[in-house]
Amino acid sequence: MTYRGHIKNGVAVLDEPTDLPEGTPVLIQPVETFGFQENLSIAQLIERQQVRPVTHPADLAGDWPLGDSLEEFLSAVREGRR
Protein backbone atom coordinates (compact mmCIF):
# COMPACT_ATOMS: atom_id res chain seq x y z
CA MET A 1 0.00 0.00 0.00
CA THR A 2 1.21 3.51 -0.76
CA TYR A 3 0.68 6.47 1.56
CA ARG A 4 1.17 10.08 0.51
CA GLY A 5 2.83 12.65 2.70
CA HIS A 6 5.30 15.48 2.84
CA ILE A 7 8.33 16.63 4.78
CA LYS A 8 7.67 19.12 7.58
CA ASN A 9 10.55 20.42 9.70
CA GLY A 10 12.70 17.52 8.50
CA VAL A 11 10.15 14.82 9.43
CA ALA A 12 7.99 12.76 7.05
CA VAL A 13 4.30 13.46 7.79
CA LEU A 14 1.47 11.45 6.22
CA ASP A 15 -1.33 13.46 4.59
CA GLU A 16 -4.03 11.09 5.88
CA PRO A 17 -4.24 9.15 9.16
CA THR A 18 -3.25 5.49 8.99
CA ASP A 19 -3.80 2.46 11.19
CA LEU A 20 -0.19 1.30 10.92
CA PRO A 21 1.10 0.21 14.33
CA GLU A 22 3.57 2.50 16.10
CA GLY A 23 7.14 1.65 15.11
CA THR A 24 6.21 0.11 11.74
CA PRO A 25 9.22 0.35 9.42
CA VAL A 26 8.50 2.36 6.26
CA LEU A 27 10.37 3.28 3.09
CA ILE A 28 10.34 6.94 2.11
CA GLN A 29 10.82 7.73 -1.58
CA PRO A 30 10.63 11.29 -2.94
CA VAL A 31 8.11 11.86 -5.73
CA GLU A 32 9.58 13.78 -8.62
CA THR A 33 7.26 16.43 -9.99
CA PHE A 34 7.31 18.00 -13.42
CA GLY A 35 5.81 21.45 -13.13
CA PHE A 36 5.13 23.65 -16.12
CA GLN A 37 7.11 26.37 -14.40
CA GLU A 38 10.32 24.39 -15.04
CA ASN A 39 9.93 25.03 -18.78
CA LEU A 40 11.96 21.94 -19.73
CA SER A 41 12.91 21.18 -23.32
CA ILE A 42 11.80 17.95 -25.00
CA ALA A 43 15.35 16.60 -24.68
CA GLN A 44 15.38 17.38 -20.93
CA LEU A 45 12.00 15.66 -20.43
CA ILE A 46 13.19 12.60 -22.37
CA GLU A 47 16.28 12.38 -20.19
CA ARG A 48 14.44 12.97 -16.91
CA GLN A 49 11.68 10.47 -17.73
CA GLN A 50 14.16 7.95 -19.18
CA VAL A 51 12.14 7.57 -22.37
CA ARG A 52 13.59 4.96 -24.73
CA PRO A 53 12.82 4.39 -28.43
CA VAL A 54 10.28 1.74 -29.34
CA THR A 55 12.17 -1.26 -30.68
CA HIS A 56 9.19 -3.35 -31.79
CA PRO A 57 5.83 -2.05 -33.11
CA ALA A 58 3.97 -4.67 -31.06
CA ASP A 59 5.05 -2.77 -27.93
CA LEU A 60 2.56 -0.06 -28.93
CA ALA A 61 -0.37 -2.44 -29.38
CA GLY A 62 -2.85 -2.98 -26.60
CA ASP A 63 -4.97 -6.03 -25.92
CA TRP A 64 -8.58 -6.26 -27.02
CA PRO A 65 -10.82 -6.19 -23.91
CA LEU A 66 -12.23 -9.59 -23.05
CA GLY A 67 -15.98 -9.83 -23.49
CA ASP A 68 -16.08 -7.12 -26.16
CA SER A 69 -17.04 -8.35 -29.60
CA LEU A 70 -14.94 -6.99 -32.45
CA GLU A 71 -17.94 -7.29 -34.75
CA GLU A 72 -20.12 -5.21 -32.41
CA PHE A 73 -17.40 -2.57 -32.20
CA LEU A 74 -17.01 -2.38 -35.98
CA SER A 75 -20.77 -2.21 -36.38
CA ALA A 76 -20.95 0.71 -33.93
CA VAL A 77 -18.15 2.51 -35.80
CA ARG A 78 -19.97 2.04 -39.10
CA GLU A 79 -23.23 3.33 -37.59
CA GLY A 80 -21.46 6.35 -36.19
CA ARG A 81 -20.17 7.24 -39.62
CA ARG A 82 -23.66 7.44 -41.14
C-alpha atoms as a PDB file:
ATOM      1  CA  MET A   1       0.000   0.000   0.000  1.00  0.00           C
ATOM      2  CA  THR A   2       1.213   3.510  -0.761  1.00  0.00           C
ATOM      3  CA  TYR A   3       0.681   6.465   1.556  1.00  0.00           C
ATOM      4  CA  ARG A   4       1.168  10.080   0.511  1.00  0.00           C
ATOM      5  CA  GLY A   5       2.829  12.646   2.699  1.00  0.00           C
ATOM      6  CA  HIS A   6       5.304  15.478   2.841  1.00  0.00           C
ATOM      7  CA  ILE A   7       8.328  16.634   4.782  1.00  0.00           C
ATOM      8  CA  LYS A   8       7.674  19.120   7.584  1.00  0.00           C
ATOM      9  CA  ASN A   9      10.549  20.420   9.697  1.00  0.00           C
ATOM     10  CA  GLY A  10      12.696  17.517   8.495  1.00  0.00           C
ATOM     11  CA  VAL A  11      10.150  14.818   9.433  1.00  0.00           C
ATOM     12  CA  ALA A  12       7.990  12.757   7.055  1.00  0.00           C
ATOM     13  CA  VAL A  13       4.300  13.456   7.788  1.00  0.00           C
ATOM     14  CA  LEU A  14       1.468  11.451   6.221  1.00  0.00           C
ATOM     15  CA  ASP A  15      -1.326  13.457   4.587  1.00  0.00           C
ATOM     16  CA  GLU A  16      -4.029  11.088   5.882  1.00  0.00           C
ATOM     17  CA  PRO A  17      -4.238   9.151   9.156  1.00  0.00           C
ATOM     18  CA  THR A  18      -3.255   5.491   8.992  1.00  0.00           C
ATOM     19  CA  ASP A  19      -3.804   2.465  11.187  1.00  0.00           C
ATOM     20  CA  LEU A  20      -0.186   1.296  10.918  1.00  0.00           C
ATOM     21  CA  PRO A  21       1.102   0.208  14.325  1.00  0.00           C
ATOM     22  CA  GLU A  22       3.567   2.497  16.102  1.00  0.00           C
ATOM     23  CA  GLY A  23       7.136   1.652  15.106  1.00  0.00           C
ATOM     24  CA  THR A  24       6.207   0.106  11.741  1.00  0.00           C
ATOM     25  CA  PRO A  25       9.216   0.353   9.416  1.00  0.00           C
ATOM     26  CA  VAL A  26       8.505   2.359   6.256  1.00  0.00           C
ATOM     27  CA  LEU A  27      10.374   3.276   3.093  1.00  0.00           C
ATOM     28  CA  ILE A  28      10.336   6.942   2.114  1.00  0.00           C
ATOM     29  CA  GLN A  29      10.817   7.734  -1.577  1.00  0.00           C
ATOM     30  CA  PRO A  30      10.626  11.294  -2.939  1.00  0.00           C
ATOM     31  CA  VAL A  31       8.111  11.865  -5.725  1.00  0.00           C
ATOM     32  CA  GLU A  32       9.576  13.784  -8.625  1.00  0.00           C
ATOM     33  CA  THR A  33       7.258  16.433  -9.990  1.00  0.00           C
ATOM     34  CA  PHE A  34       7.311  18.000 -13.419  1.00  0.00           C
ATOM     35  CA  GLY A  35       5.808  21.446 -13.130  1.00  0.00           C
ATOM     36  CA  PHE A  36       5.129  23.648 -16.120  1.00  0.00           C
ATOM     37  CA  GLN A  37       7.109  26.370 -14.398  1.00  0.00           C
ATOM     38  CA  GLU A  38      10.317  24.388 -15.036  1.00  0.00           C
ATOM     39  CA  ASN A  39       9.926  25.034 -18.783  1.00  0.00           C
ATOM     40  CA  LEU A  40      11.963  21.937 -19.733  1.00  0.00           C
ATOM     41  CA  SER A  41      12.909  21.176 -23.320  1.00  0.00           C
ATOM     42  CA  ILE A  42      11.797  17.950 -25.001  1.00  0.00           C
ATOM     43  CA  ALA A  43      15.347  16.605 -24.681  1.00  0.00           C
ATOM     44  CA  GLN A  44      15.383  17.379 -20.935  1.00  0.00           C
ATOM     45  CA  LEU A  45      11.999  15.665 -20.434  1.00  0.00           C
ATOM     46  CA  ILE A  46      13.188  12.601 -22.367  1.00  0.00           C
ATOM     47  CA  GLU A  47      16.285  12.378 -20.195  1.00  0.00           C
ATOM     48  CA  ARG A  48      14.442  12.966 -16.914  1.00  0.00           C
ATOM     49  CA  GLN A  49      11.675  10.467 -17.726  1.00  0.00           C
ATOM     50  CA  GLN A  50      14.156   7.947 -19.177  1.00  0.00           C
ATOM     51  CA  VAL A  51      12.138   7.567 -22.373  1.00  0.00           C
ATOM     52  CA  ARG A  52      13.589   4.962 -24.725  1.00  0.00           C
ATOM     53  CA  PRO A  53      12.823   4.388 -28.426  1.00  0.00           C
ATOM     54  CA  VAL A  54      10.281   1.736 -29.342  1.00  0.00           C
ATOM     55  CA  THR A  55      12.168  -1.258 -30.684  1.00  0.00           C
ATOM     56  CA  HIS A  56       9.193  -3.345 -31.788  1.00  0.00           C
ATOM     57  CA  PRO A  57       5.832  -2.052 -33.109  1.00  0.00           C
ATOM     58  CA  ALA A  58       3.966  -4.674 -31.061  1.00  0.00           C
ATOM     59  CA  ASP A  59       5.050  -2.775 -27.930  1.00  0.00           C
ATOM     60  CA  LEU A  60       2.563  -0.061 -28.929  1.00  0.00           C
ATOM     61  CA  ALA A  61      -0.367  -2.440 -29.376  1.00  0.00           C
ATOM     62  CA  GLY A  62      -2.854  -2.980 -26.599  1.00  0.00           C
ATOM     63  CA  ASP A  63      -4.972  -6.027 -25.923  1.00  0.00           C
ATOM     64  CA  TRP A  64      -8.580  -6.258 -27.020  1.00  0.00           C
ATOM     65  CA  PRO A  65     -10.819  -6.188 -23.911  1.00  0.00           C
ATOM     66  CA  LEU A  66     -12.225  -9.593 -23.053  1.00  0.00           C
ATOM     67  CA  GLY A  67     -15.980  -9.832 -23.490  1.00  0.00           C
ATOM     68  CA  ASP A  68     -16.080  -7.120 -26.159  1.00  0.00           C
ATOM     69  CA  SER A  69     -17.037  -8.348 -29.596  1.00  0.00           C
ATOM     70  CA  LEU A  70     -14.937  -6.994 -32.447  1.00  0.00           C
ATOM     71  CA  GLU A  71     -17.936  -7.291 -34.755  1.00  0.00           C
ATOM     72  CA  GLU A  72     -20.117  -5.211 -32.412  1.00  0.00           C
ATOM     73  CA  PHE A  73     -17.398  -2.574 -32.204  1.00  0.00           C
ATOM     74  CA  LEU A  74     -17.005  -2.376 -35.977  1.00  0.00           C
ATOM     75  CA  SER A  75     -20.768  -2.213 -36.375  1.00  0.00           C
ATOM     76  CA  ALA A  76     -20.950   0.707 -33.934  1.00  0.00           C
ATOM     77  CA  VAL A  77     -18.152   2.507 -35.799  1.00  0.00           C
ATOM     78  CA  ARG A  78     -19.975   2.042 -39.102  1.00  0.00           C
ATOM     79  CA  GLU A  79     -23.229   3.328 -37.586  1.00  0.00           C
ATOM     80  CA  GLY A  80     -21.461   6.355 -36.186  1.00  0.00           C
ATOM     81  CA  ARG A  81     -20.167   7.242 -39.616  1.00  0.00           C
ATOM     82  CA  ARG A  82     -23.659   7.444 -41.135  1.00  0.00           C
END
